C-alpha atoms as a PDB file:
ATOM      1  CA  MET A   1       0.774  12.677  -2.833  1.00  0.00           C
ATOM      2  CA  CYS A   2       1.036  11.721   0.815  1.00  0.00           C
ATOM      3  CA  ASP A   3       1.244  14.302   3.574  1.00  0.00           C
ATOM      4  CA  GLN A   4       5.013  14.003   3.591  1.00  0.00           C
ATOM      5  CA  ASP A   5       5.631  17.494   4.909  1.00  0.00           C
ATOM      6  CA  HIS A   6       3.857  16.510   8.117  1.00  0.00           C
ATOM      7  CA  PHE A   7       5.426  13.097   8.632  1.00  0.00           C
ATOM      8  CA  GLU A   8       8.288  14.274  10.808  1.00  0.00           C
ATOM      9  CA  ASP A   9       5.963  16.525  12.816  1.00  0.00           C
ATOM     10  CA  ASP A  10       3.705  13.542  13.494  1.00  0.00           C
ATOM     11  CA  ARG A  11       6.638  11.448  14.677  1.00  0.00           C
ATOM     12  CA  LYS A  12       7.809  14.144  17.097  1.00  0.00           C
ATOM     13  CA  GLU A  13       4.298  14.628  18.434  1.00  0.00           C
ATOM     14  CA  TYR A  14       3.817  10.920  19.123  1.00  0.00           C
ATOM     15  CA  GLU A  15       7.210  10.675  20.794  1.00  0.00           C
ATOM     16  CA  ALA A  16       6.401  13.677  22.989  1.00  0.00           C
ATOM     17  CA  ARG A  17       3.103  12.103  23.993  1.00  0.00           C
ATOM     18  CA  GLY A  18       4.845   8.898  25.020  1.00  0.00           C
ATOM     19  CA  LEU A  19       3.248   6.763  22.320  1.00  0.00           C
ATOM     20  CA  VAL A  20       6.613   5.738  20.860  1.00  0.00           C
ATOM     21  CA  THR A  21      10.109   5.871  22.299  1.00  0.00           C
ATOM     22  CA  ARG A  22      13.662   6.222  21.084  1.00  0.00           C
ATOM     23  CA  LYS A  23      14.223   2.653  22.231  1.00  0.00           C
ATOM     24  CA  GLN A  24      11.484   1.498  19.875  1.00  0.00           C
ATOM     25  CA  PHE A  25      13.141   3.411  17.056  1.00  0.00           C
ATOM     26  CA  GLY A  26      16.427   1.769  17.944  1.00  0.00           C
ATOM     27  CA  VAL A  27      15.177  -1.724  17.185  1.00  0.00           C
ATOM     28  CA  MET A  28      14.480  -0.627  13.623  1.00  0.00           C
ATOM     29  CA  LEU A  29      17.948  -1.299  12.317  1.00  0.00           C
ATOM     30  CA  GLY A  30      19.576   0.221   9.259  1.00  0.00           C
ATOM     31  CA  ALA A  31      18.169  -0.264   5.761  1.00  0.00           C
ATOM     32  CA  GLY A  32      14.640  -0.457   7.029  1.00  0.00           C
ATOM     33  CA  MET A  33      14.884  -3.612   9.131  1.00  0.00           C
ATOM     34  CA  ALA A  34      11.331  -4.222  10.299  1.00  0.00           C
ATOM     35  CA  MET A  35       9.899  -5.199  13.623  1.00  0.00           C
ATOM     36  CA  MET A  36       8.597  -8.761  13.535  1.00  0.00           C
ATOM     37  CA  LEU A  37       4.962  -8.921  12.547  1.00  0.00           C
ATOM     38  CA  PRO A  38       2.641 -11.374  14.330  1.00  0.00           C
ATOM     39  CA  ARG A  39       2.704 -14.783  12.682  1.00  0.00           C
ATOM     40  CA  VAL A  40      -0.139 -15.998  10.497  1.00  0.00           C
ATOM     41  CA  ALA A  41      -2.186 -18.843  11.978  1.00  0.00           C
ATOM     42  CA  ASN A  42      -2.025 -21.900   9.700  1.00  0.00           C
ATOM     43  CA  ALA A  43       0.356 -20.026   7.433  1.00  0.00           C
ATOM     44  CA  ALA A  44       0.786 -21.448   3.959  1.00  0.00           C
ATOM     45  CA  ALA A  45       4.288 -22.398   2.844  1.00  0.00           C
ATOM     46  CA  VAL A  46       5.440 -19.786   0.341  1.00  0.00           C
ATOM     47  CA  ILE A  47       8.002 -19.232  -2.397  1.00  0.00           C
ATOM     48  CA  GLU A  48       9.809 -15.884  -2.531  1.00  0.00           C
ATOM     49  CA  SER A  49      11.733 -14.349  -5.426  1.00  0.00           C
ATOM     50  CA  GLU A  50      13.201 -11.085  -6.655  1.00  0.00           C
ATOM     51  CA  VAL A  51      11.809 -10.360 -10.124  1.00  0.00           C
ATOM     52  CA  ASN A  52      12.333  -7.833 -12.885  1.00  0.00           C
ATOM     53  CA  ILE A  53       9.295  -6.612 -14.809  1.00  0.00           C
ATOM     54  CA  THR A  54       9.377  -4.789 -18.128  1.00  0.00           C
ATOM     55  CA  THR A  55       7.303  -1.606 -18.270  1.00  0.00           C
ATOM     56  CA  PRO A  56       6.976   1.109 -20.923  1.00  0.00           C
ATOM     57  CA  ASP A  57       9.652   3.071 -19.042  1.00  0.00           C
ATOM     58  CA  GLY A  58      12.198   0.380 -18.248  1.00  0.00           C
ATOM     59  CA  THR A  59      12.650  -2.543 -15.880  1.00  0.00           C
ATOM     60  CA  ALA A  60      11.111  -2.550 -12.418  1.00  0.00           C
ATOM     61  CA  ASP A  61      12.735  -4.527  -9.624  1.00  0.00           C
ATOM     62  CA  CYS A  62      10.054  -6.150  -7.473  1.00  0.00           C
ATOM     63  CA  TYR A  63       9.443  -8.808  -4.825  1.00  0.00           C
ATOM     64  CA  PHE A  64       7.087 -11.688  -5.628  1.00  0.00           C
ATOM     65  CA  VAL A  65       5.837 -14.201  -3.064  1.00  0.00           C
ATOM     66  CA  HIS A  66       3.089 -16.804  -3.342  1.00  0.00           C
ATOM     67  CA  PRO A  67       1.888 -20.094  -1.817  1.00  0.00           C
ATOM     68  CA  SER A  68       4.137 -22.968  -2.822  1.00  0.00           C
ATOM     69  CA  THR A  69       1.262 -25.080  -4.161  1.00  0.00           C
ATOM     70  CA  GLY A  70      -1.876 -24.353  -6.139  1.00  0.00           C
ATOM     71  CA  THR A  71      -3.066 -20.981  -7.390  1.00  0.00           C
ATOM     72  CA  ALA A  72      -4.199 -17.895  -5.489  1.00  0.00           C
ATOM     73  CA  PRO A  73      -5.690 -14.470  -6.251  1.00  0.00           C
ATOM     74  CA  GLY A  74      -3.104 -11.905  -7.232  1.00  0.00           C
ATOM     75  CA  VAL A  75      -2.419  -8.788  -5.169  1.00  0.00           C
ATOM     76  CA  LEU A  76      -0.404  -5.725  -6.212  1.00  0.00           C
ATOM     77  CA  VAL A  77       1.158  -3.782  -3.328  1.00  0.00           C
ATOM     78  CA  TRP A  78       2.231  -0.153  -3.689  1.00  0.00           C
ATOM     79  CA  PRO A  79       4.635   0.875  -0.881  1.00  0.00           C
ATOM     80  CA  ASP A  80       4.811   4.258   0.805  1.00  0.00           C
ATOM     81  CA  ILE A  81       7.342   6.954  -0.086  1.00  0.00           C
ATOM     82  CA  PHE A  82      10.171   4.926   1.502  1.00  0.00           C
ATOM     83  CA  GLY A  83       9.745   2.277  -1.160  1.00  0.00           C
ATOM     84  CA  LEU A  84      10.407  -1.447  -1.422  1.00  0.00           C
ATOM     85  CA  ARG A  85      12.342  -2.599   1.654  1.00  0.00           C
ATOM     86  CA  PRO A  86      12.418  -5.364   4.294  1.00  0.00           C
ATOM     87  CA  ALA A  87       9.266  -4.099   6.030  1.00  0.00           C
ATOM     88  CA  PHE A  88       7.211  -4.395   2.850  1.00  0.00           C
ATOM     89  CA  ARG A  89       8.763  -7.724   1.931  1.00  0.00           C
ATOM     90  CA  GLN A  90       7.668  -8.935   5.348  1.00  0.00           C
ATOM     91  CA  MET A  91       4.162  -7.577   4.811  1.00  0.00           C
ATOM     92  CA  GLY A  92       3.983  -9.159   1.367  1.00  0.00           C
ATOM     93  CA  LYS A  93       5.129 -12.526   2.679  1.00  0.00           C
ATOM     94  CA  ARG A  94       2.566 -12.401   5.452  1.00  0.00           C
ATOM     95  CA  LEU A  95      -0.170 -11.779   2.902  1.00  0.00           C
ATOM     96  CA  ALA A  96       1.060 -14.675   0.767  1.00  0.00           C
ATOM     97  CA  GLU A  97       0.989 -16.918   3.845  1.00  0.00           C
ATOM     98  CA  SER A  98      -2.686 -15.930   4.102  1.00  0.00           C
ATOM     99  CA  GLY A  99      -3.362 -17.304   0.612  1.00  0.00           C
ATOM    100  CA  TYR A 100      -2.458 -14.702  -2.016  1.00  0.00           C
ATOM    101  CA  SER A 101       0.092 -14.304  -4.820  1.00  0.00           C
ATOM    102  CA  VAL A 102       1.669 -10.973  -3.945  1.00  0.00           C
ATOM    103  CA  LEU A 103       3.763  -8.552  -5.986  1.00  0.00           C
ATOM    104  CA  VAL A 104       5.411  -5.705  -4.036  1.00  0.00           C
ATOM    105  CA  VAL A 105       6.916  -3.161  -6.401  1.00  0.00           C
ATOM    106  CA  ASN A 106       9.647  -0.556  -6.397  1.00  0.00           C
ATOM    107  CA  PRO A 107       7.743   2.504  -7.680  1.00  0.00           C
ATOM    108  CA  PHE A 108      11.003   4.413  -8.132  1.00  0.00           C
ATOM    109  CA  TYR A 109      12.680   1.941 -10.509  1.00  0.00           C
ATOM    110  CA  ARG A 110      13.099   4.643 -13.161  1.00  0.00           C
ATOM    111  CA  VAL A 111      15.657   6.354 -10.942  1.00  0.00           C
ATOM    112  CA  LYS A 112      17.009   3.806  -8.499  1.00  0.00           C
ATOM    113  CA  LYS A 113      16.804   0.137  -7.593  1.00  0.00           C
ATOM    114  CA  ALA A 114      15.567  -0.818  -4.140  1.00  0.00           C
ATOM    115  CA  PRO A 115      16.322  -0.008  -1.415  1.00  0.00           C
ATOM    116  CA  THR A 116      15.588   3.622  -2.204  1.00  0.00           C
ATOM    117  CA  ALA A 117      15.496   4.891   1.387  1.00  0.00           C
ATOM    118  CA  GLU A 118      18.729   4.659   3.349  1.00  0.00           C
ATOM    119  CA  ASN A 119      17.087   3.840   6.679  1.00  0.00           C
ATOM    120  CA  GLY A 120      13.721   2.506   5.575  1.00  0.00           C
ATOM    121  CA  GLY A 121      10.787   4.107   7.341  1.00  0.00           C
ATOM    122  CA  ALA A 122      13.143   6.130   9.562  1.00  0.00           C
ATOM    123  CA  THR A 123      14.715   7.948   6.599  1.00  0.00           C
ATOM    124  CA  PRO A 124      14.290  11.745   6.666  1.00  0.00           C
ATOM    125  CA  ILE A 125      11.419  12.558   4.346  1.00  0.00           C
ATOM    126  CA  GLN A 126      13.439  15.228   2.530  1.00  0.00           C
ATOM    127  CA  GLN A 127      15.800  12.555   1.201  1.00  0.00           C
ATOM    128  CA  VAL A 128      13.072  10.661  -0.656  1.00  0.00           C
ATOM    129  CA  MET A 129      10.724  13.475  -1.629  1.00  0.00           C
ATOM    130  CA  PRO A 130      12.368  13.982  -5.069  1.00  0.00           C
ATOM    131  CA  LEU A 131      11.673  10.342  -5.921  1.00  0.00           C
ATOM    132  CA  ALA A 132       7.961  10.744  -5.272  1.00  0.00           C
ATOM    133  CA  GLN A 133       7.823  13.999  -7.191  1.00  0.00           C
ATOM    134  CA  GLY A 134       9.018  12.167 -10.297  1.00  0.00           C
ATOM    135  CA  LEU A 135       5.800  10.122 -10.480  1.00  0.00           C
ATOM    136  CA  SER A 136       2.469  11.168 -11.994  1.00  0.00           C
ATOM    137  CA  GLU A 137      -0.977   9.983 -12.984  1.00  0.00           C
ATOM    138  CA  THR A 138       0.524   8.705 -16.233  1.00  0.00           C
ATOM    139  CA  THR A 139       3.209   6.623 -14.524  1.00  0.00           C
ATOM    140  CA  HIS A 140       0.641   5.272 -12.063  1.00  0.00           C
ATOM    141  CA  MET A 141      -1.550   4.026 -14.890  1.00  0.00           C
ATOM    142  CA  THR A 142       1.140   2.609 -17.160  1.00  0.00           C
ATOM    143  CA  ASP A 143       2.872   0.851 -14.280  1.00  0.00           C
ATOM    144  CA  ALA A 144      -0.411  -0.593 -13.029  1.00  0.00           C
ATOM    145  CA  LYS A 145      -1.183  -2.095 -16.413  1.00  0.00           C
ATOM    146  CA  ALA A 146       2.293  -3.601 -16.706  1.00  0.00           C
ATOM    147  CA  PHE A 147       2.303  -5.076 -13.196  1.00  0.00           C
ATOM    148  CA  ILE A 148      -1.196  -6.554 -13.454  1.00  0.00           C
ATOM    149  CA  ALA A 149      -0.378  -8.043 -16.861  1.00  0.00           C
ATOM    150  CA  TRP A 150       2.768  -9.609 -15.384  1.00  0.00           C
ATOM    151  CA  LEU A 151       0.792 -11.114 -12.512  1.00  0.00           C
ATOM    152  CA  ASP A 152      -1.664 -12.627 -14.973  1.00  0.00           C
ATOM    153  CA  GLN A 153       1.224 -14.432 -16.659  1.00  0.00           C
ATOM    154  CA  GLN A 154       2.244 -16.230 -13.445  1.00  0.00           C
ATOM    155  CA  SER A 155       1.206 -19.841 -12.942  1.00  0.00           C
ATOM    156  CA  SER A 156       0.612 -19.199  -9.227  1.00  0.00           C
ATOM    157  CA  VAL A 157      -2.086 -16.581  -9.949  1.00  0.00           C
ATOM    158  CA  ASN A 158      -5.696 -17.739 -10.250  1.00  0.00           C
ATOM    159  CA  LYS A 159      -6.947 -16.208 -13.505  1.00  0.00           C
ATOM    160  CA  ASN A 160     -10.565 -16.985 -12.625  1.00  0.00           C
ATOM    161  CA  LYS A 161     -10.571 -14.689  -9.602  1.00  0.00           C
ATOM    162  CA  LYS A 162     -10.303 -10.930  -9.378  1.00  0.00           C
ATOM    163  CA  MET A 163      -7.126  -9.307  -8.076  1.00  0.00           C
ATOM    164  CA  GLY A 164      -6.617  -6.948  -5.165  1.00  0.00           C
ATOM    165  CA  THR A 165      -4.406  -3.920  -4.834  1.00  0.00           C
ATOM    166  CA  GLN A 166      -3.335  -1.980  -1.775  1.00  0.00           C
ATOM    167  CA  GLY A 167      -1.382   1.223  -1.267  1.00  0.00           C
ATOM    168  CA  TYR A 168       0.231   3.040   1.628  1.00  0.00           C
ATOM    169  CA  CYS A 169       0.828   6.789   1.863  1.00  0.00           C
ATOM    170  CA  MET A 170       1.561   7.889  -1.723  1.00  0.00           C
ATOM    171  CA  GLY A 171       0.606   4.350  -2.793  1.00  0.00           C
ATOM    172  CA  GLY A 172      -3.034   5.133  -2.022  1.00  0.00           C
ATOM    173  CA  PRO A 173      -3.676   7.071  -5.248  1.00  0.00           C
ATOM    174  CA  MET A 174      -1.721   4.403  -7.127  1.00  0.00           C
ATOM    175  CA  ALA A 175      -4.049   1.710  -5.818  1.00  0.00           C
ATOM    176  CA  PHE A 176      -7.104   3.758  -6.805  1.00  0.00           C
ATOM    177  CA  ARG A 177      -5.681   4.310 -10.275  1.00  0.00           C
ATOM    178  CA  THR A 178      -4.812   0.636 -10.639  1.00  0.00           C
ATOM    179  CA  ALA A 179      -8.517  -0.139 -10.388  1.00  0.00           C
ATOM    180  CA  ALA A 180      -9.210   2.539 -13.010  1.00  0.00           C
ATOM    181  CA  ALA A 181      -6.444   1.263 -15.307  1.00  0.00           C
ATOM    182  CA  VAL A 182      -7.548  -2.385 -15.296  1.00  0.00           C
ATOM    183  CA  PRO A 183     -11.161  -2.365 -14.048  1.00  0.00           C
ATOM    184  CA  ASP A 184     -11.917  -5.841 -15.384  1.00  0.00           C
ATOM    185  CA  ARG A 185      -9.232  -7.427 -13.178  1.00  0.00           C
ATOM    186  CA  ILE A 186      -9.368  -5.478  -9.916  1.00  0.00           C
ATOM    187  CA  GLY A 187     -12.034  -6.574  -7.449  1.00  0.00           C
ATOM    188  CA  ALA A 188     -10.718  -5.004  -4.249  1.00  0.00           C
ATOM    189  CA  VAL A 189      -8.796  -1.835  -3.365  1.00  0.00           C
ATOM    190  CA  ALA A 190      -7.344  -0.940   0.032  1.00  0.00           C
ATOM    191  CA  THR A 191      -5.548   2.220   1.081  1.00  0.00           C
ATOM    192  CA  PHE A 192      -3.829   2.878   4.397  1.00  0.00           C
ATOM    193  CA  HIS A 193      -2.993   6.466   5.386  1.00  0.00           C
ATOM    194  CA  GLY A 194      -3.262   7.240   1.695  1.00  0.00           C
ATOM    195  CA  GLY A 195      -2.451  10.818   0.765  1.00  0.00           C
ATOM    196  CA  GLY A 196      -3.944  12.729  -2.137  1.00  0.00           C
ATOM    197  CA  LEU A 197      -6.940  10.461  -2.589  1.00  0.00           C
ATOM    198  CA  VAL A 198      -9.220  13.475  -2.963  1.00  0.00           C
ATOM    199  CA  THR A 199      -8.256  16.493  -5.027  1.00  0.00           C
ATOM    200  CA  LYS A 200     -10.199  19.209  -6.832  1.00  0.00           C
ATOM    201  CA  ASP A 201      -8.982  18.000 -10.215  1.00  0.00           C
ATOM    202  CA  ALA A 202     -11.184  16.220 -12.737  1.00  0.00           C
ATOM    203  CA  ASN A 203      -8.753  13.298 -12.630  1.00  0.00           C
ATOM    204  CA  SER A 204      -8.767  13.025  -8.829  1.00  0.00           C
ATOM    205  CA  PRO A 205      -7.968   9.429  -7.806  1.00  0.00           C
ATOM    206  CA  HIS A 206     -11.257   9.045  -5.936  1.00  0.00           C
ATOM    207  CA  LEU A 207     -13.249  10.010  -9.020  1.00  0.00           C
ATOM    208  CA  GLN A 208     -11.325   7.587 -11.200  1.00  0.00           C
ATOM    209  CA  ALA A 209     -11.808   4.791  -8.681  1.00  0.00           C
ATOM    210  CA  SER A 210     -15.536   5.460  -8.427  1.00  0.00           C
ATOM    211  CA  LYS A 211     -15.949   4.461 -12.089  1.00  0.00           C
ATOM    212  CA  THR A 212     -14.873   0.877 -11.350  1.00  0.00           C
ATOM    213  CA  LYS A 213     -16.724  -2.106  -9.882  1.00  0.00           C
ATOM    214  CA  ALA A 214     -14.277  -2.813  -7.067  1.00  0.00           C
ATOM    215  CA  GLN A 215     -14.903  -2.989  -3.329  1.00  0.00           C
ATOM    216  CA  PHE A 216     -12.939  -0.581  -1.145  1.00  0.00           C
ATOM    217  CA  LEU A 217     -11.276  -0.329   2.257  1.00  0.00           C
ATOM    218  CA  ILE A 218     -10.036   3.176   3.082  1.00  0.00           C
ATOM    219  CA  ALA A 219      -8.203   3.492   6.408  1.00  0.00           C
ATOM    220  CA  ILE A 220      -7.507   7.140   7.241  1.00  0.00           C
ATOM    221  CA  ALA A 221      -4.978   8.367   9.801  1.00  0.00           C
ATOM    222  CA  ALA A 222      -6.357  10.668  12.497  1.00  0.00           C
ATOM    223  CA  SER A 223      -3.585  13.166  11.782  1.00  0.00           C
ATOM    224  CA  ASP A 224      -4.580  13.296   8.110  1.00  0.00           C
ATOM    225  CA  ASP A 225      -8.246  13.635   9.036  1.00  0.00           C
ATOM    226  CA  THR A 226      -7.379  16.628  11.210  1.00  0.00           C
ATOM    227  CA  ARG A 227      -5.695  18.353   8.285  1.00  0.00           C
ATOM    228  CA  THR A 228      -8.352  17.474   5.677  1.00  0.00           C
ATOM    229  CA  PRO A 229     -11.503  16.710   7.670  1.00  0.00           C
ATOM    230  CA  THR A 230     -13.871  16.735   4.694  1.00  0.00           C
ATOM    231  CA  ASP A 231     -12.045  14.074   2.653  1.00  0.00           C
ATOM    232  CA  LYS A 232     -13.784  11.188   4.395  1.00  0.00           C
ATOM    233  CA  ASP A 233     -17.175  12.731   3.706  1.00  0.00           C
ATOM    234  CA  VAL A 234     -16.331  13.273   0.037  1.00  0.00           C
ATOM    235  CA  LEU A 235     -15.179   9.655  -0.229  1.00  0.00           C
ATOM    236  CA  LYS A 236     -18.301   8.312   1.430  1.00  0.00           C
ATOM    237  CA  GLU A 237     -20.594  10.409  -0.763  1.00  0.00           C
ATOM    238  CA  THR A 238     -18.734   9.584  -3.968  1.00  0.00           C
ATOM    239  CA  PHE A 239     -18.711   5.829  -3.453  1.00  0.00           C
ATOM    240  CA  ALA A 240     -22.305   5.801  -2.211  1.00  0.00           C
ATOM    241  CA  LYS A 241     -23.444   7.603  -5.381  1.00  0.00           C
ATOM    242  CA  ALA A 242     -21.529   5.064  -7.441  1.00  0.00           C
ATOM    243  CA  ASN A 243     -23.224   2.253  -5.497  1.00  0.00           C
ATOM    244  CA  LEU A 244     -19.844   0.800  -4.537  1.00  0.00           C
ATOM    245  CA  SER A 245     -19.050  -1.013  -1.297  1.00  0.00           C
ATOM    246  CA  ALA A 246     -16.591   1.136   0.659  1.00  0.00           C
ATOM    247  CA  GLU A 247     -15.504   0.770   4.281  1.00  0.00           C
ATOM    248  CA  ILE A 248     -14.144   4.184   5.246  1.00  0.00           C
ATOM    249  CA  GLU A 249     -12.810   4.685   8.765  1.00  0.00           C
ATOM    250  CA  VAL A 250     -10.568   7.098  10.634  1.00  0.00           C
ATOM    251  CA  TYR A 251      -8.015   5.271  12.773  1.00  0.00           C
ATOM    252  CA  GLY A 252      -6.688   6.941  15.921  1.00  0.00           C
ATOM    253  CA  ALA A 253      -3.114   6.884  14.692  1.00  0.00           C
ATOM    254  CA  SER A 254      -0.632   9.053  12.872  1.00  0.00           C
ATOM    255  CA  HIS A 255       0.119   9.087   9.158  1.00  0.00           C
ATOM    256  CA  GLY A 256       2.319   6.067   8.475  1.00  0.00           C
ATOM    257  CA  TRP A 257       1.060   3.802  11.276  1.00  0.00           C
ATOM    258  CA  CYS A 258       0.923   0.526   9.306  1.00  0.00           C
ATOM    259  CA  PRO A 259       4.452  -0.472   8.137  1.00  0.00           C
ATOM    260  CA  PRO A 260       6.353  -2.072  11.035  1.00  0.00           C
ATOM    261  CA  ASP A 261       9.485   0.009  10.427  1.00  0.00           C
ATOM    262  CA  SER A 262       7.613   3.305  10.571  1.00  0.00           C
ATOM    263  CA  THR A 263       8.608   5.671  13.345  1.00  0.00           C
ATOM    264  CA  VAL A 264       4.897   6.014  14.192  1.00  0.00           C
ATOM    265  CA  TYR A 265       4.034   2.305  13.884  1.00  0.00           C
ATOM    266  CA  ASN A 266       0.971   1.431  15.954  1.00  0.00           C
ATOM    267  CA  GLU A 267       0.819  -2.339  16.244  1.00  0.00           C
ATOM    268  CA  ALA A 268      -2.721  -2.586  17.622  1.00  0.00           C
ATOM    269  CA  LEU A 269      -4.250  -0.382  14.939  1.00  0.00           C
ATOM    270  CA  ALA A 270      -2.031  -1.822  12.216  1.00  0.00           C
ATOM    271  CA  GLU A 271      -3.372  -5.249  13.146  1.00  0.00           C
ATOM    272  CA  LYS A 272      -6.933  -3.950  13.025  1.00  0.00           C
ATOM    273  CA  ALA A 273      -6.318  -2.551   9.554  1.00  0.00           C
ATOM    274  CA  TRP A 274      -4.706  -5.822   8.494  1.00  0.00           C
ATOM    275  CA  SER A 275      -7.696  -7.836   9.713  1.00  0.00           C
ATOM    276  CA  ARG A 276     -10.053  -5.593   7.744  1.00  0.00           C
ATOM    277  CA  LEU A 277      -7.876  -6.091   4.658  1.00  0.00           C
ATOM    278  CA  LEU A 278      -8.253  -9.855   4.938  1.00  0.00           C
ATOM    279  CA  VAL A 279     -12.017  -9.473   5.321  1.00  0.00           C
ATOM    280  CA  LEU A 280     -12.123  -7.332   2.163  1.00  0.00           C
ATOM    281  CA  TYR A 281     -10.077  -9.798   0.140  1.00  0.00           C
ATOM    282  CA  GLY A 282     -12.045 -12.727   1.518  1.00  0.00           C
ATOM    283  CA  LYS A 283     -15.271 -11.172   0.206  1.00  0.00           C
ATOM    284  CA  ALA A 284     -14.108  -9.629  -3.046  1.00  0.00           C
ATOM    285  CA  LEU A 285     -11.530 -12.140  -4.289  1.00  0.00           C
ATOM    286  CA  SER A 286     -13.145 -15.439  -3.309  1.00  0.00           C
END
């Protein structure tokens, strides 16, 4: 699970330090309206759609976007605790414009259709915590299998290339477990301010991920690193022993810095993380 208990503390700290302002929060309008992300150079024309995907537990409402011509590697995106919303649709579209067939899911479909957070990334964490607590290792794995299978049925997905998956906050463990659930299809895994990647349990997400053949990008928030300073070392050691390529870096930002509607959004470091994501996918999914 992500470090949700600390999210609001992080926001207040960054505001007090002058790194974000109330005016910046104000431009993030209701229902998670996102700041505009920088445009993609030579962006591909894309097709967007709202889709419903059958899983063992019901029907998941998701957003699917892909280049309008040809085929492209598939990518499964797991949102943070605030769920599927305009910010993540924008991020998914941007990735599709970079040459990928992208599925952004509503991880809380068992309880509620998107949007699941009243004010997107500015929603009080206490309002969405019960949704996250309803998920588990089992739901991560069964959902991953269903979503990857659905992607493989789409004509816009290149079946001859590996897929990528990326997760934010609580989506980090989901991305790791996606690789474990369908190791033959996942070639790249990225996590951004992922929480709960390392636990003491035998089924810790990092141990499950280390049994795959994927390449990894793990971007850690400085605030998370302060709270669990040994996690990065455990990750580095684990992936090195497994002989897996893993770029593991602590970013000087607060937990939640990547989505553009986050109250601690850091554009410069979010763009750095995004550029490293494209490098990962360019190597692993080409």
